[in-house]
């Protein structure tokens, strides 16, 4: 009878152990399945994050490229405007240089007219034409350089003679042989002058 009791106890113990082992195995499998599911979700999340990161990086790159192109275009526009204005000023300056000898000839002609002939209609007509040309040049931005009685300035004057004069101060322009002109504060032609002391 003891043997039967022992067999029953052993069988019960074996069955309990087997059941516990099966339950443990089921729990482990379930835990493994949950872990695998979580890891697969995290992998998908990483892929989504990587995809978003790639898209964000591409968007940033395109934004950067667009900003650079806009800056280049703005620089190009400013540069072309500056070049246009420089070309216009260069063209205007070259035309003014060609007109200045005509102004010089008018001044010489008017200076050669005697006092008796100044009242003649011809002399008055020439003087009016001269004044009209000078006023047109002034409207365009051309002004004569004042020289006589001023201090010599190498940026404005071209000294062709030097003399001594006690009545004038040092480095003063005493005579002007040819008028100089400025175009918008740029020298078109230097004044040819005589400097004293």
N, C-alpha and C. Protein backbone atom coordinates (compact mmCIF):
# COMPACT_ATOMS: atom_id res chain seq x y z
N UNK A 1 0.82 -1.18 0.00
CA UNK A 1 0.00 0.00 0.00
C UNK A 1 0.86 1.24 0.00
N UNK A 2 1.95 1.18 0.67
CA UNK A 2 2.87 2.31 0.69
C UNK A 2 3.36 2.58 -0.70
N UNK A 3 3.60 1.53 -1.46
CA UNK A 3 4.08 1.70 -2.83
C UNK A 3 3.05 2.43 -3.67
N UNK A 4 1.80 2.13 -3.48
CA UNK A 4 0.71 2.76 -4.24
C UNK A 4 0.64 4.22 -3.87
N UNK A 5 0.76 4.53 -2.60
CA UNK A 5 0.71 5.93 -2.14
C UNK A 5 1.89 6.69 -2.72
N UNK A 6 3.03 6.05 -2.70
CA UNK A 6 4.21 6.72 -3.24
C UNK A 6 4.05 6.95 -4.72
N UNK A 7 3.54 5.98 -5.45
CA UNK A 7 3.34 6.14 -6.88
C UNK A 7 2.38 7.26 -7.16
N UNK A 8 1.27 7.33 -6.39
CA UNK A 8 0.29 8.40 -6.58
C UNK A 8 0.95 9.75 -6.31
N UNK A 9 1.73 9.83 -5.27
CA UNK A 9 2.40 11.09 -4.91
C UNK A 9 3.38 11.47 -5.99
N UNK A 10 4.12 10.53 -6.47
CA UNK A 10 5.13 10.79 -7.52
C UNK A 10 4.42 11.23 -8.78
N UNK A 11 3.32 10.53 -9.12
CA UNK A 11 2.59 10.88 -10.32
C UNK A 11 2.01 12.29 -10.21
N UNK A 12 1.43 12.61 -9.01
CA UNK A 12 0.87 13.95 -8.80
C UNK A 12 1.96 15.00 -8.89
N UNK A 13 3.09 14.71 -8.27
CA UNK A 13 4.21 15.66 -8.29
C UNK A 13 4.69 15.84 -9.70
N UNK A 14 4.77 14.78 -10.45
CA UNK A 14 5.24 14.84 -11.83
C UNK A 14 4.27 15.63 -12.68
N UNK A 15 3.00 15.39 -12.47
CA UNK A 15 1.98 16.13 -13.22
C UNK A 15 2.04 17.62 -12.89
N UNK A 16 2.17 17.92 -11.60
CA UNK A 16 2.25 19.34 -11.19
C UNK A 16 3.48 20.00 -11.80
N UNK A 17 4.59 19.31 -11.76
CA UNK A 17 5.83 19.85 -12.31
C UNK A 17 5.68 20.06 -13.81
N UNK A 18 5.06 19.10 -14.46
CA UNK A 18 4.86 19.20 -15.90
C UNK A 18 3.96 20.38 -16.22
N UNK A 19 2.90 20.55 -15.44
CA UNK A 19 1.98 21.67 -15.66
C UNK A 19 2.70 23.01 -15.44
N UNK A 20 3.49 23.06 -14.38
CA UNK A 20 4.23 24.29 -14.09
C UNK A 20 5.21 24.59 -15.23
N UNK A 21 5.86 23.57 -15.70
CA UNK A 21 6.83 23.76 -16.79
C UNK A 21 6.13 24.25 -18.03
N UNK A 22 4.96 23.66 -18.33
CA UNK A 22 4.20 24.09 -19.51
C UNK A 22 3.76 25.55 -19.35
N UNK A 23 3.27 25.88 -18.13
CA UNK A 23 2.83 27.26 -17.89
C UNK A 23 4.01 28.23 -18.03
N UNK A 24 5.16 27.84 -17.44
CA UNK A 24 6.35 28.69 -17.56
C UNK A 24 6.74 28.87 -19.02
N UNK A 25 6.68 27.79 -19.77
CA UNK A 25 7.07 27.85 -21.19
C UNK A 25 6.11 28.75 -21.95
N UNK A 26 4.81 28.61 -21.67
CA UNK A 26 3.79 29.44 -22.33
C UNK A 26 4.05 30.91 -22.00
N UNK A 27 4.33 31.19 -20.72
CA UNK A 27 4.60 32.57 -20.32
C UNK A 27 5.83 33.11 -21.02
N UNK A 28 6.87 32.28 -21.11
CA UNK A 28 8.10 32.72 -21.78
C UNK A 28 7.84 33.01 -23.25
N UNK A 29 7.04 32.10 -23.89
CA UNK A 29 6.72 32.29 -25.31
C UNK A 29 5.93 33.58 -25.49
N UNK A 30 4.95 33.80 -24.58
CA UNK A 30 4.15 35.03 -24.67
C UNK A 30 5.03 36.27 -24.48
N UNK A 31 5.94 36.19 -23.49
CA UNK A 31 6.84 37.32 -23.25
C UNK A 31 7.73 37.56 -24.46
N UNK A 32 8.23 36.46 -25.05
CA UNK A 32 9.07 36.58 -26.24
C UNK A 32 8.28 37.21 -27.39
N UNK A 33 7.02 36.79 -27.52
CA UNK A 33 6.18 37.33 -28.59
C UNK A 33 5.94 38.82 -28.38
N UNK A 34 5.65 39.20 -27.11
CA UNK A 34 5.44 40.62 -26.80
C UNK A 34 6.72 41.41 -27.07
N UNK A 35 7.86 40.87 -26.66
CA UNK A 35 9.16 41.54 -26.89
C UNK A 35 9.43 41.69 -28.38
N UNK A 36 9.14 40.62 -29.13
CA UNK A 36 9.36 40.68 -30.58
C UNK A 36 8.46 41.73 -31.21
N UNK A 37 7.21 41.79 -30.73
CA UNK A 37 6.26 42.77 -31.27
C UNK A 37 6.74 44.18 -30.96
N UNK A 38 7.20 44.39 -29.71
CA UNK A 38 7.70 45.72 -29.31
C UNK A 38 8.93 46.09 -30.13
N UNK A 39 9.81 45.11 -30.31
CA UNK A 39 11.03 45.41 -31.07
C UNK A 39 10.71 45.70 -32.53
N UNK A 40 9.72 44.95 -33.07
CA UNK A 40 9.36 45.22 -34.47
C UNK A 40 8.71 46.59 -34.58
N UNK A 41 7.91 46.98 -33.57
CA UNK A 41 7.31 48.32 -33.57
C UNK A 41 8.40 49.38 -33.47
N UNK A 42 9.36 49.13 -32.61
CA UNK A 42 10.44 50.11 -32.45
C UNK A 42 11.27 50.20 -33.73
N UNK A 43 11.44 49.09 -34.42
CA UNK A 43 12.17 49.11 -35.69
C UNK A 43 11.41 49.95 -36.70
N UNK A 44 10.07 49.73 -36.77
CA UNK A 44 9.26 50.52 -37.69
C UNK A 44 9.30 52.00 -37.33
N UNK A 45 9.27 52.28 -36.01
CA UNK A 45 9.35 53.67 -35.57
C UNK A 45 10.69 54.27 -35.99
N UNK A 46 11.76 53.49 -35.83
CA UNK A 46 13.07 53.99 -36.23
C UNK A 46 13.08 54.27 -37.73
N UNK A 47 12.48 53.34 -38.51
CA UNK A 47 12.44 53.55 -39.96
C UNK A 47 11.68 54.84 -40.29
N UNK A 48 10.56 55.05 -39.59
CA UNK A 48 9.78 56.26 -39.81
C UNK A 48 10.60 57.49 -39.43
N UNK A 49 11.30 57.40 -38.29
CA UNK A 49 12.13 58.53 -37.86
C UNK A 49 13.24 58.77 -38.87
N UNK A 50 13.86 57.70 -39.35
CA UNK A 50 14.93 57.84 -40.33
C UNK A 50 14.38 58.46 -41.62
N UNK A 51 13.17 57.99 -42.01
CA UNK A 51 12.57 58.56 -43.21
C UNK A 51 12.26 60.03 -43.00
N UNK A 52 11.72 60.37 -41.86
CA UNK A 52 11.44 61.78 -41.57
C UNK A 52 12.74 62.57 -41.53
N UNK A 53 13.76 62.01 -40.93
CA UNK A 53 15.04 62.69 -40.86
C UNK A 53 15.60 62.92 -42.26
N UNK A 54 15.47 61.94 -43.13
CA UNK A 54 15.95 62.09 -44.50
C UNK A 54 15.16 63.18 -45.22
N UNK A 55 13.85 63.17 -45.02
CA UNK A 55 13.01 64.18 -45.66
C UNK A 55 13.33 65.57 -45.11
N UNK A 56 13.47 65.66 -43.79
CA UNK A 56 13.81 66.94 -43.17
C UNK A 56 15.15 67.45 -43.68
N UNK A 57 16.10 66.54 -43.79
CA UNK A 57 17.43 66.93 -44.28
C UNK A 57 17.34 67.42 -45.72
N UNK A 58 16.54 66.73 -46.52
CA UNK A 58 16.38 67.13 -47.91
C UNK A 58 15.68 68.48 -48.01
N UNK A 59 14.67 68.69 -47.16
CA UNK A 59 13.97 69.98 -47.13
C UNK A 59 14.93 71.09 -46.74
N UNK A 60 15.73 70.85 -45.72
CA UNK A 60 16.72 71.85 -45.28
C UNK A 60 17.72 72.16 -46.40
N UNK A 61 18.15 71.11 -47.09
CA UNK A 61 19.11 71.30 -48.18
C UNK A 61 18.49 72.14 -49.30
N UNK A 62 17.23 71.84 -49.64
CA UNK A 62 16.55 72.60 -50.69
C UNK A 62 16.32 74.05 -50.27
N UNK A 63 15.96 74.25 -48.99
CA UNK A 63 15.79 75.62 -48.48
C UNK A 63 17.09 76.39 -48.57
N UNK A 64 18.16 75.73 -48.16
CA UNK A 64 19.49 76.37 -48.19
C UNK A 64 19.86 76.73 -49.63
N UNK A 65 19.63 75.81 -50.54
CA UNK A 65 19.95 76.05 -51.95
C UNK A 65 19.12 77.22 -52.50
N UNK A 66 17.84 77.25 -52.13
CA UNK A 66 16.96 78.34 -52.58
C UNK A 66 17.44 79.68 -52.04
N UNK A 67 17.80 79.72 -50.75
CA UNK A 67 18.27 80.97 -50.15
C UNK A 67 19.56 81.45 -50.83
N UNK A 68 20.43 80.51 -51.12
CA UNK A 68 21.69 80.88 -51.80
C UNK A 68 21.42 81.44 -53.19
N UNK A 69 20.51 80.80 -53.92
CA UNK A 69 20.20 81.27 -55.27
C UNK A 69 19.53 82.65 -55.22
N UNK A 70 18.68 82.86 -54.22
CA UNK A 70 18.05 84.18 -54.08
C UNK A 70 19.10 85.24 -53.78
N UNK A 71 20.06 84.91 -52.92
CA UNK A 71 21.13 85.85 -52.58
C UNK A 71 22.00 86.14 -53.81
N UNK A 72 22.31 85.08 -54.58
CA UNK A 72 23.10 85.27 -55.80
C UNK A 72 22.37 86.16 -56.79
N UNK A 73 21.05 85.95 -56.92
CA UNK A 73 20.27 86.76 -57.85
C UNK A 73 20.25 88.22 -57.40
N UNK A 74 20.08 88.45 -56.11
CA UNK A 74 20.08 89.82 -55.57
C UNK A 74 21.43 90.50 -55.82
N UNK A 75 22.52 89.76 -55.59
CA UNK A 75 23.86 90.30 -55.87
C UNK A 75 24.03 90.61 -57.36
N UNK A 76 23.53 89.71 -58.20
CA UNK A 76 23.61 89.92 -59.65
C UNK A 76 22.83 91.16 -60.05
N UNK A 77 21.63 91.34 -59.50
CA UNK A 77 20.81 92.50 -59.82
C UNK A 77 21.51 93.79 -59.41
N UNK A 78 22.07 93.82 -58.20
CA UNK A 78 22.77 95.01 -57.73
C UNK A 78 24.00 95.29 -58.59
N UNK A 79 24.72 94.22 -58.94
CA UNK A 79 25.93 94.39 -59.74
C UNK A 79 25.60 94.94 -61.13
N UNK A 80 24.53 94.42 -61.76
CA UNK A 80 24.16 94.91 -63.09
C UNK A 80 23.67 96.35 -63.03
N UNK A 81 22.94 96.72 -61.98
CA UNK A 81 22.51 98.11 -61.84
C UNK A 81 23.71 99.04 -61.70
N UNK A 82 24.68 98.60 -60.89
CA UNK A 82 25.89 99.41 -60.71
C UNK A 82 26.66 99.53 -62.02
N UNK A 83 26.77 98.42 -62.75
CA UNK A 83 27.47 98.45 -64.04
C UNK A 83 26.76 99.36 -65.03
N UNK A 84 25.42 99.32 -65.04
CA UNK A 84 24.66 100.20 -65.93
C UNK A 84 24.92 101.66 -65.62
N UNK A 85 24.89 102.01 -64.34
CA UNK A 85 25.12 103.41 -63.96
C UNK A 85 26.55 103.82 -64.30
N UNK A 86 27.51 102.90 -64.10
CA UNK A 86 28.90 103.22 -64.45
C UNK A 86 29.06 103.40 -65.95
N UNK A 87 28.38 102.54 -66.73
CA UNK A 87 28.44 102.68 -68.18
C UNK A 87 27.82 103.99 -68.63
N UNK A 88 26.70 104.37 -68.01
CA UNK A 88 26.05 105.63 -68.35
C UNK A 88 26.97 106.80 -68.03
N UNK A 89 27.57 106.78 -66.83
CA UNK A 89 28.47 107.86 -66.44
C UNK A 89 29.69 107.91 -67.35
N UNK A 90 30.21 106.75 -67.74
CA UNK A 90 31.35 106.71 -68.64
C UNK A 90 30.99 107.31 -69.99
N UNK A 91 29.81 106.94 -70.49
CA UNK A 91 29.34 107.48 -71.78
C UNK A 91 29.11 108.99 -71.70
N UNK A 92 28.49 109.43 -70.61
CA UNK A 92 28.23 110.87 -70.44
C UNK A 92 29.55 111.62 -70.33
N UNK A 93 30.50 111.05 -69.61
CA UNK A 93 31.80 111.70 -69.44
C UNK A 93 32.52 111.85 -70.78
N UNK A 94 32.46 110.82 -71.62
CA UNK A 94 33.14 110.90 -72.92
C UNK A 94 32.48 111.94 -73.82
N UNK A 95 31.16 112.07 -73.77
CA UNK A 95 30.46 113.09 -74.56
C UNK A 95 30.84 114.49 -74.06
N UNK A 96 30.88 114.65 -72.74
CA UNK A 96 31.24 115.94 -72.15
C UNK A 96 32.65 116.33 -72.57
N UNK A 97 33.57 115.37 -72.57
CA UNK A 97 34.94 115.65 -72.99
C UNK A 97 34.99 116.16 -74.42
N UNK A 98 34.08 115.67 -75.27
CA UNK A 98 34.04 116.13 -76.67
C UNK A 98 33.39 117.51 -76.81
N UNK A 99 32.50 117.86 -75.90
CA UNK A 99 31.81 119.16 -75.97
C UNK A 99 32.67 120.28 -75.39
N UNK A 100 33.53 119.96 -74.43
CA UNK A 100 34.32 121.00 -73.75
C UNK A 100 35.19 121.84 -74.70
N UNK A 101 35.82 121.27 -75.72
CA UNK A 101 36.57 122.14 -76.65
C UNK A 101 35.68 123.16 -77.38
N UNK A 102 34.42 122.78 -77.62
CA UNK A 102 33.49 123.73 -78.25
C UNK A 102 33.23 124.89 -77.30
N UNK A 103 33.03 124.58 -76.01
CA UNK A 103 32.84 125.63 -75.00
C UNK A 103 34.08 126.53 -74.95
N UNK A 104 35.26 125.93 -74.99
CA UNK A 104 36.51 126.71 -74.98
C UNK A 104 36.56 127.66 -76.17
N UNK A 105 36.17 127.18 -77.35
CA UNK A 105 36.19 128.03 -78.55
C UNK A 105 35.19 129.17 -78.44
N UNK A 106 34.02 128.90 -77.86
CA UNK A 106 33.05 129.97 -77.63
C UNK A 106 33.65 131.04 -76.73
N UNK A 107 34.30 130.60 -75.65
CA UNK A 107 34.89 131.56 -74.70
C UNK A 107 36.01 132.38 -75.37
N UNK A 108 36.83 131.72 -76.18
CA UNK A 108 37.89 132.45 -76.89
C UNK A 108 37.29 133.45 -77.87
N UNK A 109 36.27 133.00 -78.58
CA UNK A 109 35.62 133.90 -79.55
C UNK A 109 34.98 135.10 -78.87
N UNK A 110 34.30 134.85 -77.76
CA UNK A 110 33.67 135.97 -77.02
C UNK A 110 34.73 136.89 -76.42
N UNK A 111 35.86 136.34 -76.01
CA UNK A 111 36.94 137.15 -75.46
C UNK A 111 37.62 138.01 -76.51
N UNK A 112 37.56 137.59 -77.78
CA UNK A 112 38.21 138.32 -78.87
C UNK A 112 37.34 139.46 -79.42
N UNK A 113 36.06 139.49 -79.05
CA UNK A 113 35.17 140.53 -79.55
C UNK A 113 35.50 141.84 -78.84
N UNK A 114 35.63 142.89 -79.61
CA UNK A 114 35.93 144.21 -79.03
C UNK A 114 34.67 144.78 -78.36
N UNK A 115 34.86 145.82 -77.57
CA UNK A 115 33.75 146.45 -76.85
C UNK A 115 32.71 147.01 -77.81
N UNK A 116 33.14 147.55 -78.95
CA UNK A 116 32.21 148.12 -79.93
C UNK A 116 31.33 147.04 -80.55
N UNK A 117 31.92 145.87 -80.79
CA UNK A 117 31.18 144.80 -81.47
C UNK A 117 30.28 143.99 -80.53
N UNK A 118 30.43 144.15 -79.22
CA UNK A 118 29.64 143.37 -78.25
C UNK A 118 28.14 143.67 -78.35
N UNK A 119 27.78 144.86 -78.84
CA UNK A 119 26.37 145.22 -78.95
C UNK A 119 25.76 144.73 -80.26
N UNK A 120 26.58 144.19 -81.15
CA UNK A 120 26.04 143.73 -82.44
C UNK A 120 25.18 142.49 -82.23
N UNK A 121 24.16 142.30 -83.10
CA UNK A 121 23.29 141.12 -82.96
C UNK A 121 24.05 139.79 -83.07
N UNK A 122 25.08 139.76 -83.90
CA UNK A 122 25.86 138.52 -84.06
C UNK A 122 26.54 138.14 -82.75
N UNK A 123 27.19 139.09 -82.10
CA UNK A 123 27.91 138.84 -80.84
C UNK A 123 26.92 138.45 -79.74
N UNK A 124 25.76 139.11 -79.72
CA UNK A 124 24.75 138.78 -78.71
C UNK A 124 24.20 137.36 -78.93
N UNK A 125 24.03 136.98 -80.21
CA UNK A 125 23.56 135.63 -80.53
C UNK A 125 24.56 134.56 -80.08
N UNK A 126 25.84 134.83 -80.36
CA UNK A 126 26.91 133.89 -79.96
C UNK A 126 26.93 133.76 -78.43
N UNK A 127 26.79 134.88 -77.72
CA UNK A 127 26.81 134.84 -76.26
C UNK A 127 25.62 134.07 -75.70
N UNK A 128 24.45 134.22 -76.33
CA UNK A 128 23.26 133.48 -75.89
C UNK A 128 23.42 131.97 -76.11
N UNK A 129 24.01 131.61 -77.26
CA UNK A 129 24.25 130.18 -77.54
C UNK A 129 25.22 129.61 -76.50
N UNK A 130 26.26 130.38 -76.20
CA UNK A 130 27.24 129.95 -75.21
C UNK A 130 26.58 129.74 -73.85
N UNK A 131 25.77 130.71 -73.41
CA UNK A 131 25.09 130.61 -72.11
C UNK A 131 24.14 129.41 -72.08
N UNK A 132 23.46 129.18 -73.21
CA UNK A 132 22.53 128.03 -73.29
C UNK A 132 23.29 126.71 -73.15
N UNK A 133 24.45 126.61 -73.81
CA UNK A 133 25.24 125.38 -73.71
C UNK A 133 25.74 125.18 -72.28
N UNK A 134 26.21 126.25 -71.66
CA UNK A 134 26.72 126.15 -70.28
C UNK A 134 25.60 125.74 -69.33
N UNK A 135 24.40 126.35 -69.48
CA UNK A 135 23.29 126.00 -68.59
C UNK A 135 22.83 124.55 -68.82
N UNK A 136 22.87 124.08 -70.08
CA UNK A 136 22.50 122.68 -70.37
C UNK A 136 23.48 121.72 -69.72
N UNK A 137 24.77 122.06 -69.77
CA UNK A 137 25.77 121.21 -69.13
C UNK A 137 25.60 121.22 -67.61
N UNK A 138 25.26 122.37 -67.04
CA UNK A 138 25.04 122.45 -65.58
C UNK A 138 23.85 121.60 -65.17
N UNK A 139 22.79 121.61 -65.98
CA UNK A 139 21.61 120.77 -65.69
C UNK A 139 21.97 119.28 -65.75
N UNK A 140 22.94 118.94 -66.61
CA UNK A 140 23.37 117.53 -66.72
C UNK A 140 24.34 117.14 -65.62
N UNK A 141 24.77 118.12 -64.79
CA UNK A 141 25.66 117.80 -63.68
C UNK A 141 27.10 118.21 -63.90
N UNK A 142 27.36 119.03 -64.94
CA UNK A 142 28.71 119.49 -65.24
C UNK A 142 28.90 120.88 -64.64
N UNK A 143 29.97 121.06 -63.86
CA UNK A 143 30.27 122.36 -63.27
C UNK A 143 31.73 122.70 -63.51
N UNK A 144 32.00 124.00 -63.64
CA UNK A 144 33.37 124.47 -63.84
C UNK A 144 34.10 124.46 -62.50
N UNK A 145 35.39 124.16 -62.55
CA UNK A 145 36.22 124.17 -61.34
C UNK A 145 36.71 125.60 -61.12
N UNK A 146 36.45 126.12 -59.94
CA UNK A 146 36.95 127.46 -59.61
C UNK A 146 38.42 127.34 -59.23
N UNK A 147 39.24 128.18 -59.86
CA UNK A 147 40.68 128.03 -59.66
C UNK A 147 41.36 129.30 -59.17
N UNK A 148 41.15 130.43 -59.85
CA UNK A 148 41.90 131.66 -59.56
C UNK A 148 41.60 132.11 -58.13
N UNK A 149 42.69 132.34 -57.36
CA UNK A 149 42.58 132.78 -55.98
C UNK A 149 42.40 131.64 -54.98
N UNK A 150 42.25 130.41 -55.47
CA UNK A 150 42.08 129.24 -54.60
C UNK A 150 43.44 128.57 -54.37
N UNK A 151 43.49 127.77 -53.33
CA UNK A 151 44.71 127.02 -53.05
C UNK A 151 44.85 125.89 -54.06
N UNK A 152 46.08 125.65 -54.48
CA UNK A 152 46.34 124.60 -55.47
C UNK A 152 45.96 123.23 -54.91
N UNK A 153 45.18 122.49 -55.71
CA UNK A 153 44.75 121.14 -55.35
C UNK A 153 45.12 120.21 -56.50
N UNK A 154 46.06 119.30 -56.30
CA UNK A 154 46.47 118.42 -57.41
C UNK A 154 45.35 117.53 -57.94
N UNK A 155 44.30 117.34 -57.15
CA UNK A 155 43.16 116.53 -57.62
C UNK A 155 42.31 117.29 -58.63
N UNK A 156 42.39 118.64 -58.59
CA UNK A 156 41.57 119.47 -59.47
C UNK A 156 42.39 120.26 -60.48
N UNK A 157 43.62 120.61 -60.13
CA UNK A 157 44.43 121.51 -60.95
C UNK A 157 45.65 120.81 -61.53
N UNK A 158 46.04 121.30 -62.69
CA UNK A 158 47.26 120.83 -63.35
C UNK A 158 48.17 122.05 -63.48
N UNK A 159 49.21 122.13 -62.67
CA UNK A 159 50.11 123.29 -62.67
C UNK A 159 51.08 123.20 -63.84
N UNK A 160 51.02 124.22 -64.72
CA UNK A 160 51.92 124.24 -65.87
C UNK A 160 52.98 125.34 -65.74
N UNK A 161 52.76 126.27 -64.77
CA UNK A 161 53.72 127.34 -64.52
C UNK A 161 53.82 127.61 -63.03
N UNK A 162 54.98 128.14 -62.65
CA UNK A 162 55.19 128.52 -61.25
C UNK A 162 55.86 129.88 -61.23
N UNK A 163 55.42 130.74 -60.31
CA UNK A 163 56.01 132.08 -60.21
C UNK A 163 56.02 132.52 -58.76
N UNK A 164 56.67 133.68 -58.53
CA UNK A 164 56.72 134.26 -57.19
C UNK A 164 55.90 135.55 -57.20
N UNK A 165 55.05 135.71 -56.19
CA UNK A 165 54.24 136.93 -56.07
C UNK A 165 54.04 137.21 -54.59
N UNK A 166 54.51 138.39 -54.15
CA UNK A 166 54.43 138.74 -52.73
C UNK A 166 53.01 139.10 -52.31
N UNK A 167 52.17 139.48 -53.26
CA UNK A 167 50.79 139.89 -52.94
C UNK A 167 49.89 138.69 -52.62
N UNK A 168 50.24 137.54 -53.10
CA UNK A 168 49.41 136.33 -52.89
C UNK A 168 50.10 135.41 -51.88
N UNK A 169 49.31 134.56 -51.26
CA UNK A 169 49.84 133.62 -50.28
C UNK A 169 50.58 132.46 -50.95
N UNK A 170 50.96 131.51 -50.12
CA UNK A 170 51.73 130.36 -50.61
C UNK A 170 50.82 129.33 -51.27
N UNK A 171 51.29 128.80 -52.41
CA UNK A 171 50.59 127.71 -53.10
C UNK A 171 49.20 128.14 -53.59
N UNK A 172 49.09 129.37 -54.11
CA UNK A 172 47.81 129.91 -54.59
C UNK A 172 47.83 129.97 -56.11
N UNK A 173 46.66 129.68 -56.72
CA UNK A 173 46.52 129.74 -58.18
C UNK A 173 46.33 131.21 -58.57
N UNK A 174 47.23 131.71 -59.44
CA UNK A 174 47.15 133.12 -59.85
C UNK A 174 46.48 133.27 -61.21
N UNK A 175 46.67 132.35 -62.12
CA UNK A 175 46.09 132.43 -63.47
C UNK A 175 45.54 131.07 -63.88
N UNK A 176 44.53 131.13 -64.75
CA UNK A 176 43.95 129.90 -65.30
C UNK A 176 44.07 129.96 -66.81
N UNK A 177 44.73 128.98 -67.39
CA UNK A 177 44.93 128.94 -68.84
C UNK A 177 43.82 128.16 -69.55
N UNK A 178 43.31 127.15 -68.88
CA UNK A 178 42.20 126.36 -69.44
C UNK A 178 41.30 125.91 -68.30
N UNK A 179 39.99 126.12 -68.46
CA UNK A 179 39.05 125.76 -67.41
C UNK A 179 38.97 124.24 -67.24
N UNK A 180 38.84 123.86 -65.99
CA UNK A 180 38.60 122.45 -65.68
C UNK A 180 37.12 122.25 -65.35
N UNK A 181 36.63 121.01 -65.50
CA UNK A 181 35.22 120.72 -65.28
C UNK A 181 35.05 119.44 -64.47
N UNK A 182 34.00 119.44 -63.66
CA UNK A 182 33.60 118.27 -62.89
C UNK A 182 32.29 117.74 -63.45
N UNK A 183 32.14 116.41 -63.45
CA UNK A 183 30.86 115.79 -63.76
C UNK A 183 30.44 114.98 -62.54
N UNK A 184 29.45 115.48 -61.83
CA UNK A 184 28.96 114.83 -60.59
C UNK A 184 30.13 114.53 -59.65
N UNK A 185 30.94 115.51 -59.40
CA UNK A 185 32.07 115.45 -58.48
C UNK A 185 33.20 114.54 -58.95
N UNK A 186 33.18 114.18 -60.22
CA UNK A 186 34.30 113.44 -60.83
C UNK A 186 34.97 114.39 -61.82
N UNK A 187 36.28 114.47 -61.78
CA UNK A 187 37.00 115.39 -62.66
C UNK A 187 36.95 114.87 -64.09
N UNK A 188 36.40 115.72 -64.99
CA UNK A 188 36.39 115.40 -66.42
C UNK A 188 37.67 115.93 -67.06
N UNK A 189 38.01 117.15 -66.66
CA UNK A 189 39.24 117.77 -67.16
C UNK A 189 39.83 118.65 -66.06
N UNK A 190 41.12 118.51 -65.81
CA UNK A 190 41.80 119.33 -64.80
C UNK A 190 42.00 120.75 -65.33
N UNK A 191 41.99 121.71 -64.43
CA UNK A 191 42.28 123.10 -64.81
C UNK A 191 43.78 123.26 -65.03
N UNK A 192 44.15 123.92 -66.13
CA UNK A 192 45.57 124.23 -66.37
C UNK A 192 45.83 125.59 -65.75
N UNK A 193 46.72 125.63 -64.74
CA UNK A 193 46.87 126.85 -63.94
C UNK A 193 48.34 127.23 -63.73
N UNK A 194 48.49 128.48 -63.25
CA UNK A 194 49.79 129.00 -62.83
C UNK A 194 49.74 129.14 -61.31
N UNK A 195 50.73 128.61 -60.62
CA UNK A 195 50.76 128.61 -59.16
C UNK A 195 51.89 129.54 -58.70
N UNK A 196 51.60 130.32 -57.66
CA UNK A 196 52.62 131.23 -57.12
C UNK A 196 53.06 130.79 -55.74
N UNK A 197 54.31 131.24 -55.43
CA UNK A 197 54.96 131.02 -54.13
C UNK A 197 55.01 129.52 -53.78
